[in-house]
């Protein structure tokens, strides 16, 4: 009986994670004074090989994207990975 309950619990956790992944929007636009930033989620997921923790450091779910967070996390990663990292590479007016 314990195995059955553990099995159901495991399936529920996997299903919830899959739903959260599927429910995520694919394209986000962040408004900024020097030009909006459009973020393509699936392109970034593919680029990091599905390693969600690369950006989702507090677990899978929405990220509260602030200017400071984006400049530290996004720009830092872009520089580390050799991706475009100048302001106007992401900020489009």
PDB file of N, CA and C in Angstrom:
ATOM      1  N   UNK A   1       0.822  -1.206   0.000  1.00  0.00           N
ATOM      2  CA  UNK A   1       0.000   0.000   0.000  1.00  0.00           C
ATOM      3  C   UNK A   1       0.860   1.262   0.000  1.00  0.00           C
ATOM      4  N   UNK A   2       1.968   1.228   0.792  1.00  0.00           N
ATOM      5  CA  UNK A   2       2.853   2.392   0.838  1.00  0.00           C
ATOM      6  C   UNK A   2       3.483   2.645  -0.529  1.00  0.00           C
ATOM      7  N   UNK A   3       3.824   1.555  -1.230  1.00  0.00           N
ATOM      8  CA  UNK A   3       4.411   1.707  -2.559  1.00  0.00           C
ATOM      9  C   UNK A   3       3.400   2.324  -3.525  1.00  0.00           C
ATOM     10  N   UNK A   4       2.162   1.934  -3.418  1.00  0.00           N
ATOM     11  CA  UNK A   4       1.118   2.466  -4.277  1.00  0.00           C
ATOM     12  C   UNK A   4       0.954   3.970  -4.053  1.00  0.00           C
ATOM     13  N   UNK A   5       0.910   4.368  -2.800  1.00  0.00           N
ATOM     14  CA  UNK A   5       0.768   5.786  -2.459  1.00  0.00           C
ATOM     15  C   UNK A   5       2.000   6.560  -2.929  1.00  0.00           C
ATOM     16  N   UNK A   6       3.195   5.991  -2.717  1.00  0.00           N
ATOM     17  CA  UNK A   6       4.425   6.644  -3.166  1.00  0.00           C
ATOM     18  C   UNK A   6       4.429   6.774  -4.689  1.00  0.00           C
ATOM     19  N   UNK A   7       3.950   5.785  -5.374  1.00  0.00           N
ATOM     20  CA  UNK A   7       3.867   5.817  -6.829  1.00  0.00           C
ATOM     21  C   UNK A   7       2.934   6.909  -7.311  1.00  0.00           C
ATOM     22  N   UNK A   8       1.754   6.998  -6.687  1.00  0.00           N
ATOM     23  CA  UNK A   8       0.811   8.059  -7.045  1.00  0.00           C
ATOM     24  C   UNK A   8       1.410   9.441  -6.767  1.00  0.00           C
ATOM     25  N   UNK A   9       2.104   9.571  -5.652  1.00  0.00           N
ATOM     26  CA  UNK A   9       2.727  10.851  -5.309  1.00  0.00           C
ATOM     27  C   UNK A   9       3.786  11.232  -6.345  1.00  0.00           C
ATOM     28  N   UNK A  10       4.586  10.265  -6.763  1.00  0.00           N
ATOM     29  CA  UNK A  10       5.621  10.530  -7.766  1.00  0.00           C
ATOM     30  C   UNK A  10       4.996  10.965  -9.085  1.00  0.00           C
ATOM     31  N   UNK A  11       3.944  10.286  -9.495  1.00  0.00           N
ATOM     32  CA  UNK A  11       3.254  10.647 -10.742  1.00  0.00           C
ATOM     33  C   UNK A  11       2.675  12.055 -10.630  1.00  0.00           C
ATOM     34  N   UNK A  12       2.114  12.390  -9.487  1.00  0.00           N
ATOM     35  CA  UNK A  12       1.533  13.721  -9.289  1.00  0.00           C
ATOM     36  C   UNK A  12       2.602  14.807  -9.383  1.00  0.00           C
ATOM     37  N   UNK A  13       3.760  14.568  -8.801  1.00  0.00           N
ATOM     38  CA  UNK A  13       4.846  15.558  -8.844  1.00  0.00           C
ATOM     39  C   UNK A  13       5.338  15.739 -10.276  1.00  0.00           C
ATOM     40  N   UNK A  14       5.521  14.641 -10.983  1.00  0.00           N
ATOM     41  CA  UNK A  14       5.979  14.719 -12.375  1.00  0.00           C
ATOM     42  C   UNK A  14       4.944  15.424 -13.237  1.00  0.00           C
ATOM     43  N   UNK A  15       3.680  15.108 -13.039  1.00  0.00           N
ATOM     44  CA  UNK A  15       2.616  15.748 -13.816  1.00  0.00           C
ATOM     45  C   UNK A  15       2.563  17.252 -13.540  1.00  0.00           C
ATOM     46  N   UNK A  16       2.725  17.645 -12.288  1.00  0.00           N
ATOM     47  CA  UNK A  16       2.699  19.068 -11.937  1.00  0.00           C
ATOM     48  C   UNK A  16       3.870  19.805 -12.582  1.00  0.00           C
ATOM     49  N   UNK A  17       5.051  19.186 -12.571  1.00  0.00           N
ATOM     50  CA  UNK A  17       6.216  19.818 -13.193  1.00  0.00           C
ATOM     51  C   UNK A  17       6.019  19.944 -14.702  1.00  0.00           C
ATOM     52  N   UNK A  18       5.477  18.913 -15.314  1.00  0.00           N
ATOM     53  CA  UNK A  18       5.230  18.952 -16.765  1.00  0.00           C
ATOM     54  C   UNK A  18       4.205  20.027 -17.100  1.00  0.00           C
ATOM     55  N   UNK A  19       3.170  20.144 -16.286  1.00  0.00           N
ATOM     56  CA  UNK A  19       2.151  21.168 -16.517  1.00  0.00           C
ATOM     57  C   UNK A  19       2.760  22.559 -16.390  1.00  0.00           C
ATOM     58  N   UNK A  20       3.576  22.769 -15.371  1.00  0.00           N
ATOM     59  CA  UNK A  20       4.201  24.080 -15.168  1.00  0.00           C
ATOM     60  C   UNK A  20       5.093  24.418 -16.355  1.00  0.00           C
ATOM     61  N   UNK A  21       5.822  23.439 -16.852  1.00  0.00           N
ATOM     62  CA  UNK A  21       6.700  23.666 -17.997  1.00  0.00           C
ATOM     63  C   UNK A  21       5.883  24.015 -19.234  1.00  0.00           C
ATOM     64  N   UNK A  22       4.812  23.263 -19.475  1.00  0.00           N
ATOM     65  CA  UNK A  22       3.983  23.480 -20.662  1.00  0.00           C
ATOM     66  C   UNK A  22       3.211  24.791 -20.574  1.00  0.00           C
ATOM     67  N   UNK A  23       2.866  25.201 -19.363  1.00  0.00           N
ATOM     68  CA  UNK A  23       2.059  26.402 -19.181  1.00  0.00           C
ATOM     69  C   UNK A  23       2.874  27.686 -19.296  1.00  0.00           C
ATOM     70  N   UNK A  24       4.192  27.565 -19.251  1.00  0.00           N
ATOM     71  CA  UNK A  24       5.036  28.757 -19.331  1.00  0.00           C
ATOM     72  C   UNK A  24       4.868  29.418 -20.693  1.00  0.00           C
ATOM     73  N   UNK A  25       4.756  30.729 -20.661  1.00  0.00           N
ATOM     74  CA  UNK A  25       4.664  31.467 -21.929  1.00  0.00           C
ATOM     75  C   UNK A  25       5.971  31.286 -22.683  1.00  0.00           C
ATOM     76  N   UNK A  26       5.908  31.339 -23.989  1.00  0.00           N
ATOM     77  CA  UNK A  26       7.123  31.135 -24.765  1.00  0.00           C
ATOM     78  C   UNK A  26       7.873  32.437 -25.006  1.00  0.00           C
ATOM     79  N   UNK A  27       7.151  33.553 -25.097  1.00  0.00           N
ATOM     80  CA  UNK A  27       7.803  34.836 -25.358  1.00  0.00           C
ATOM     81  C   UNK A  27       7.325  35.850 -24.321  1.00  0.00           C
ATOM     82  N   UNK A  28       8.272  36.500 -23.689  1.00  0.00           N
ATOM     83  CA  UNK A  28       7.980  37.535 -22.702  1.00  0.00           C
ATOM     84  C   UNK A  28       8.554  38.850 -23.208  1.00  0.00           C
ATOM     85  N   UNK A  29       7.874  39.939 -22.936  1.00  0.00           N
ATOM     86  CA  UNK A  29       8.397  41.263 -23.252  1.00  0.00           C
ATOM     87  C   UNK A  29       8.472  42.061 -21.961  1.00  0.00           C
ATOM     88  N   UNK A  30       9.674  42.549 -21.682  1.00  0.00           N
ATOM     89  CA  UNK A  30       9.906  43.352 -20.487  1.00  0.00           C
ATOM     90  C   UNK A  30      10.113  44.790 -20.917  1.00  0.00           C
ATOM     91  N   UNK A  31       9.317  45.689 -20.339  1.00  0.00           N
ATOM     92  CA  UNK A  31       9.424  47.107 -20.675  1.00  0.00           C
ATOM     93  C   UNK A  31      10.620  47.717 -19.963  1.00  0.00           C
ATOM     94  N   UNK A  32      11.362  48.515 -20.711  1.00  0.00           N
ATOM     95  CA  UNK A  32      12.527  49.189 -20.152  1.00  0.00           C
ATOM     96  C   UNK A  32      12.635  50.570 -20.773  1.00  0.00           C
ATOM     97  N   UNK A  33      13.193  51.489 -20.019  1.00  0.00           N
ATOM     98  CA  UNK A  33      13.316  52.877 -20.457  1.00  0.00           C
ATOM     99  C   UNK A  33      14.141  52.993 -21.743  1.00  0.00           C
ATOM    100  N   UNK A  34      15.171  52.189 -21.867  1.00  0.00           N
ATOM    101  CA  UNK A  34      16.043  52.294 -23.043  1.00  0.00           C
ATOM    102  C   UNK A  34      15.708  51.267 -24.131  1.00  0.00           C
ATOM    103  N   UNK A  35      14.466  50.787 -24.126  1.00  0.00           N
ATOM    104  CA  UNK A  35      14.006  49.841 -25.135  1.00  0.00           C
ATOM    105  C   UNK A  35      13.553  48.536 -24.499  1.00  0.00           C
ATOM    106  N   UNK A  36      12.447  48.017 -24.966  1.00  0.00           N
ATOM    107  CA  UNK A  36      11.904  46.781 -24.415  1.00  0.00           C
ATOM    108  C   UNK A  36      12.800  45.594 -24.747  1.00  0.00           C
ATOM    109  N   UNK A  37      12.760  44.602 -23.867  1.00  0.00           N
ATOM    110  CA  UNK A  37      13.526  43.367 -24.054  1.00  0.00           C
ATOM    111  C   UNK A  37      12.532  42.245 -24.300  1.00  0.00           C
ATOM    112  N   UNK A  38      12.712  41.541 -25.412  1.00  0.00           N
ATOM    113  CA  UNK A  38      11.876  40.386 -25.726  1.00  0.00           C
ATOM    114  C   UNK A  38      12.691  39.139 -25.422  1.00  0.00           C
ATOM    115  N   UNK A  39      12.123  38.269 -24.598  1.00  0.00           N
ATOM    116  CA  UNK A  39      12.803  37.058 -24.144  1.00  0.00           C
ATOM    117  C   UNK A  39      12.067  35.840 -24.680  1.00  0.00           C
ATOM    118  N   UNK A  40      12.746  35.041 -25.471  1.00  0.00           N
ATOM    119  CA  UNK A  40      12.165  33.819 -26.018  1.00  0.00           C
ATOM    120  C   UNK A  40      12.557  32.645 -25.115  1.00  0.00           C
ATOM    121  N   UNK A  41      11.609  32.205 -24.309  1.00  0.00           N
ATOM    122  CA  UNK A  41      11.868  31.185 -23.302  1.00  0.00           C
ATOM    123  C   UNK A  41      12.399  29.890 -23.904  1.00  0.00           C
ATOM    124  N   UNK A  42      11.711  29.350 -24.897  1.00  0.00           N
ATOM    125  CA  UNK A  42      12.115  28.047 -25.439  1.00  0.00           C
ATOM    126  C   UNK A  42      13.511  28.097 -26.055  1.00  0.00           C
ATOM    127  N   UNK A  43      13.865  29.199 -26.676  1.00  0.00           N
ATOM    128  CA  UNK A  43      15.209  29.325 -27.249  1.00  0.00           C
ATOM    129  C   UNK A  43      16.270  29.238 -26.155  1.00  0.00           C
ATOM    130  N   UNK A  44      15.996  29.852 -25.003  1.00  0.00           N
ATOM    131  CA  UNK A  44      16.948  29.804 -23.897  1.00  0.00           C
ATOM    132  C   UNK A  44      16.973  28.425 -23.248  1.00  0.00           C
ATOM    133  N   UNK A  45      15.822  27.775 -23.131  1.00  0.00           N
ATOM    134  CA  UNK A  45      15.768  26.405 -22.596  1.00  0.00           C
ATOM    135  C   UNK A  45      16.629  25.495 -23.464  1.00  0.00           C
ATOM    136  N   UNK A  46      16.466  25.612 -24.772  1.00  0.00           N
ATOM    137  CA  UNK A  46      17.249  24.791 -25.695  1.00  0.00           C
ATOM    138  C   UNK A  46      18.739  25.092 -25.565  1.00  0.00           C
ATOM    139  N   UNK A  47      19.075  26.355 -25.453  1.00  0.00           N
ATOM    140  CA  UNK A  47      20.477  26.757 -25.410  1.00  0.00           C
ATOM    141  C   UNK A  47      21.199  26.216 -24.186  1.00  0.00           C
ATOM    142  N   UNK A  48      20.504  26.180 -23.034  1.00  0.00           N
ATOM    143  CA  UNK A  48      21.146  25.677 -21.809  1.00  0.00           C
ATOM    144  C   UNK A  48      20.887  24.182 -21.614  1.00  0.00           C
ATOM    145  N   UNK A  49      20.378  23.537 -22.653  1.00  0.00           N
ATOM    146  CA  UNK A  49      20.177  22.090 -22.601  1.00  0.00           C
ATOM    147  C   UNK A  49      19.137  21.652 -21.586  1.00  0.00           C
ATOM    148  N   UNK A  50      18.138  22.496 -21.346  1.00  0.00           N
ATOM    149  CA  UNK A  50      17.073  22.145 -20.418  1.00  0.00           C
ATOM    150  C   UNK A  50      17.442  22.308 -18.951  1.00  0.00           C
ATOM    151  N   UNK A  51      18.577  22.932 -18.666  1.00  0.00           N
ATOM    152  CA  UNK A  51      19.024  23.147 -17.281  1.00  0.00           C
ATOM    153  C   UNK A  51      18.314  24.372 -16.706  1.00  0.00           C
ATOM    154  N   UNK A  52      17.078  24.156 -16.239  1.00  0.00           N
ATOM    155  CA  UNK A  52      16.243  25.257 -15.744  1.00  0.00           C
ATOM    156  C   UNK A  52      16.921  26.048 -14.629  1.00  0.00           C
ATOM    157  N   UNK A  53      17.719  25.356 -13.795  1.00  0.00           N
ATOM    158  CA  UNK A  53      18.361  26.000 -12.652  1.00  0.00           C
ATOM    159  C   UNK A  53      19.363  27.070 -13.078  1.00  0.00           C
ATOM    160  N   UNK A  54      19.724  27.097 -14.343  1.00  0.00           N
ATOM    161  CA  UNK A  54      20.642  28.134 -14.835  1.00  0.00           C
ATOM    162  C   UNK A  54      20.040  29.522 -14.584  1.00  0.00           C
ATOM    163  N   UNK A  55      18.720  29.642 -14.749  1.00  0.00           N
ATOM    164  CA  UNK A  55      18.024  30.913 -14.488  1.00  0.00           C
ATOM    165  C   UNK A  55      17.104  30.814 -13.272  1.00  0.00           C
ATOM    166  N   UNK A  56      16.412  29.685 -13.160  1.00  0.00           N
ATOM    167  CA  UNK A  56      15.452  29.477 -12.066  1.00  0.00           C
ATOM    168  C   UNK A  56      16.198  28.964 -10.839  1.00  0.00           C
ATOM    169  N   UNK A  57      16.950  29.842 -10.205  1.00  0.00           N
ATOM    170  CA  UNK A  57      17.797  29.443  -9.086  1.00  0.00           C
ATOM    171  C   UNK A  57      17.008  29.122  -7.822  1.00  0.00           C
ATOM    172  N   UNK A  58      15.765  29.596  -7.731  1.00  0.00           N
ATOM    173  CA  UNK A  58      14.927  29.320  -6.554  1.00  0.00           C
ATOM    174  C   UNK A  58      13.901  28.228  -6.831  1.00  0.00           C
ATOM    175  N   UNK A  59      14.117  27.439  -7.851  1.00  0.00           N
ATOM    176  CA  UNK A  59      13.171  26.389  -8.212  1.00  0.00           C
ATOM    177  C   UNK A  59      12.377  26.807  -9.430  1.00  0.00           C
ATOM    178  N   UNK A  60      11.703  25.844 -10.016  1.00  0.00           N
ATOM    179  CA  UNK A  60      10.947  26.097 -11.239  1.00  0.00           C
ATOM    180  C   UNK A  60       9.718  26.928 -10.907  1.00  0.00           C
ATOM    181  N   UNK A  61       9.486  27.927 -11.689  1.00  0.00           N
ATOM    182  CA  UNK A  61       8.345  28.811 -11.508  1.00  0.00           C
ATOM    183  C   UNK A  61       8.686  30.187 -12.024  1.00  0.00           C
ATOM    184  N   UNK A  62       7.763  31.099 -11.910  1.00  0.00           N
ATOM    185  CA  UNK A  62       7.998  32.457 -12.419  1.00  0.00           C
ATOM    186  C   UNK A  62       9.175  33.129 -11.725  1.00  0.00           C
ATOM    187  N   UNK A  63       9.878  33.943 -12.471  1.00  0.00           N
ATOM    188  CA  UNK A  63      10.995  34.717 -11.932  1.00  0.00           C
ATOM    189  C   UNK A  63      10.545  36.172 -11.851  1.00  0.00           C
ATOM    190  N   UNK A  64      10.813  36.800 -10.735  1.00  0.00           N
ATOM    191  CA  UNK A  64      10.533  38.230 -10.586  1.00  0.00           C
ATOM    192  C   UNK A  64      11.689  38.977 -11.237  1.00  0.00           C
ATOM    193  N   UNK A  65      11.528  39.300 -12.512  1.00  0.00           N
ATOM    194  CA  UNK A  65      12.605  39.922 -13.278  1.00  0.00           C
ATOM    195  C   UNK A  65      12.668  41.412 -12.954  1.00  0.00           C
ATOM    196  N   UNK A  66      13.742  41.794 -12.312  1.00  0.00           N
ATOM    197  CA  UNK A  66      14.010  43.205 -12.046  1.00  0.00           C
ATOM    198  C   UNK A  66      15.202  43.628 -12.898  1.00  0.00           C
ATOM    199  N   UNK A  67      15.407  44.904 -13.001  1.00  0.00           N
ATOM    200  CA  UNK A  67      16.539  45.420 -13.771  1.00  0.00           C
ATOM    201  C   UNK A  67      17.851  44.844 -13.234  1.00  0.00           C
ATOM    202  N   UNK A  68      18.035  44.896 -11.925  1.00  0.00           N
ATOM    203  CA  UNK A  68      19.279  44.396 -11.327  1.00  0.00           C
ATOM    204  C   UNK A  68      19.451  42.897 -11.565  1.00  0.00           C
ATOM    205  N   UNK A  69      18.366  42.130 -11.396  1.00  0.00           N
ATOM    206  CA  UNK A  69      18.447  40.678 -11.615  1.00  0.00           C
ATOM    207  C   UNK A  69      18.820  40.379 -13.061  1.00  0.00           C
ATOM    208  N   UNK A  70      18.156  41.046 -13.992  1.00  0.00           N
ATOM    209  CA  UNK A  70      18.409  40.786 -15.410  1.00  0.00           C
ATOM    210  C   UNK A  70      19.833  41.169 -15.796  1.00  0.00           C
ATOM    211  N   UNK A  71      20.290  42.314 -15.324  1.00  0.00           N
ATOM    212  CA  UNK A  71      21.647  42.726 -15.684  1.00  0.00           C
ATOM    213  C   UNK A  71      22.684  41.787 -15.091  1.00  0.00           C
ATOM    214  N   UNK A  72      22.459  41.301 -13.898  1.00  0.00           N
ATOM    215  CA  UNK A  72      23.413  40.369 -13.281  1.00  0.00           C
ATOM    216  C   UNK A  72      23.329  38.985 -13.930  1.00  0.00           C
ATOM    217  N   UNK A  73      22.128  38.452 -14.002  1.00  0.00           N
ATOM    218  CA  UNK A  73      21.950  37.079 -14.470  1.00  0.00           C
ATOM    219  C   UNK A  73      22.062  36.965 -15.985  1.00  0.00           C
ATOM    220  N   UNK A  74      21.277  37.745 -16.701  1.00  0.00           N
ATOM    221  CA  UNK A  74      21.237  37.623 -18.164  1.00  0.00           C
ATOM    222  C   UNK A  74      22.528  38.108 -18.802  1.00  0.00           C
ATOM    223  N   UNK A  75      22.954  39.320 -18.454  1.00  0.00           N
ATOM    224  CA  UNK A  75      24.162  39.867 -19.066  1.00  0.00           C
ATOM    225  C   UNK A  75      25.373  39.032 -18.675  1.00  0.00           C
ATOM    226  N   UNK A  76      25.409  38.603 -17.419  1.00  0.00           N
ATOM    227  CA  UNK A  76      26.516  37.752 -16.972  1.00  0.00           C
ATOM    228  C   UNK A  76      26.585  36.453 -17.756  1.00  0.00           C
ATOM    229  N   UNK A  77      25.454  35.813 -17.956  1.00  0.00           N
ATOM    230  CA  UNK A  77      25.401  34.562 -18.709  1.00  0.00           C
ATOM    231  C   UNK A  77      25.754  34.810 -20.174  1.00  0.00           C
ATOM    232  N   UNK A  78      25.216  35.880 -20.744  1.00  0.00           N
ATOM    233  CA  UNK A  78      25.517  36.186 -22.139  1.00  0.00           C
ATOM    234  C   UNK A  78      27.021  36.365 -22.340  1.00  0.00           C
ATOM    235  N   UNK A  79      27.676  37.076 -21.432  1.00  0.00           N
ATOM    236  CA  UNK A  79      29.125  37.277 -21.547  1.00  0.00           C
ATOM    237  C   UNK A  79      29.863  35.948 -21.382  1.00  0.00           C
ATOM    238  N   UNK A  80      29.443  35.156 -20.408  1.00  0.00           N
ATOM    239  CA  UNK A  80      30.078  33.856 -20.136  1.00  0.00           C
ATOM    240  C   UNK A  80      29.943  32.900 -21.320  1.00  0.00           C
ATOM    241  N   UNK A  81      28.782  32.919 -21.971  1.00  0.00           N
ATOM    242  CA  UNK A  81      28.505  31.973 -23.048  1.00  0.00           C
ATOM    243  C   UNK A  81      28.854  32.526 -24.435  1.00  0.00           C
ATOM    244  N   UNK A  82      29.327  33.774 -24.488  1.00  0.00           N
ATOM    245  CA  UNK A  82      29.675  34.367 -25.777  1.00  0.00           C
ATOM    246  C   UNK A  82      28.468  34.827 -26.577  1.00  0.00           C
ATOM    247  N   UNK A  83      27.357  35.048 -25.905  1.00  0.00           N
ATOM    248  CA  UNK A  83      26.135  35.528 -26.564  1.00  0.00           C
ATOM    249  C   UNK A  83      26.178  37.057 -26.636  1.00  0.00           C
ATOM    250  N   UNK A  84      25.344  37.667 -27.471  1.00  0.00           N
ATOM    251  CA  UNK A  84      25.319  39.132 -27.555  1.00  0.00           C
ATOM    252  C   UNK A  84      25.086  39.754 -26.172  1.00  0.00           C
ATOM    253  N   UNK A  85      25.920  40.726 -25.799  1.00  0.00           N
ATOM    254  CA  UNK A  85      25.821  41.280 -24.448  1.00  0.00           C
ATOM    255  C   UNK A  85      25.843  42.809 -24.407  1.00  0.00           C
ATOM    256  N   UNK A  86      25.813  43.459 -25.563  1.00  0.00           N
ATOM    257  CA  UNK A  86      25.729  44.926 -25.551  1.00  0.00           C
ATOM    258  C   UNK A  86      24.286  45.330 -25.270  1.00  0.00           C
ATOM    259  N   UNK A  87      24.089  46.511 -24.739  1.00  0.00           N
ATOM    260  CA  UNK A  87      22.741  46.970 -24.365  1.00  0.00           C
ATOM    261  C   UNK A  87      21.744  46.808 -25.507  1.00  0.00           C
ATOM    262  N   UNK A  88      22.111  47.313 -26.695  1.00  0.00           N
ATOM    263  CA  UNK A  88      21.151  47.302 -27.800  1.00  0.00           C
ATOM    264  C   UNK A  88      20.995  45.932 -28.463  1.00  0.00           C
ATOM    265  N   UNK A  89      21.725  44.931 -27.986  1.00  0.00           N
ATOM    266  CA  UNK A  89      21.504  43.565 -28.470  1.00  0.00           C
ATOM    267  C   UNK A  89      20.169  43.026 -27.958  1.00  0.00           C
ATOM    268  N   UNK A  90      19.779  43.449 -26.769  1.00  0.00           N
ATOM    269  CA  UNK A  90      18.514  42.988 -26.178  1.00  0.00           C
ATOM    270  C   UNK A  90      17.478  44.102 -26.098  1.00  0.00           C
ATOM    271  N   UNK A  91      17.912  45.314 -25.770  1.00  0.00           N
ATOM    272  CA  UNK A  91      16.996  46.449 -25.647  1.00  0.00           C
ATOM    273  C   UNK A  91      16.703  47.012 -27.027  1.00  0.00           C
ATOM    274  N   UNK A  92      15.438  46.920 -27.447  1.00  0.00           N
ATOM    275  CA  UNK A  92      15.030  47.400 -28.771  1.00  0.00           C
ATOM    276  C   UNK A  92      13.994  48.503 -28.614  1.00  0.00           C
ATOM    277  N   UNK A  93      14.245  49.630 -29.269  1.00  0.00           N
ATOM    278  CA  UNK A  93      13.292  50.745 -29.229  1.00  0.00           C
ATOM    279  C   UNK A  93      12.334  50.656 -30.376  1.00  0.00           C
TER     280      UNK A  93
END
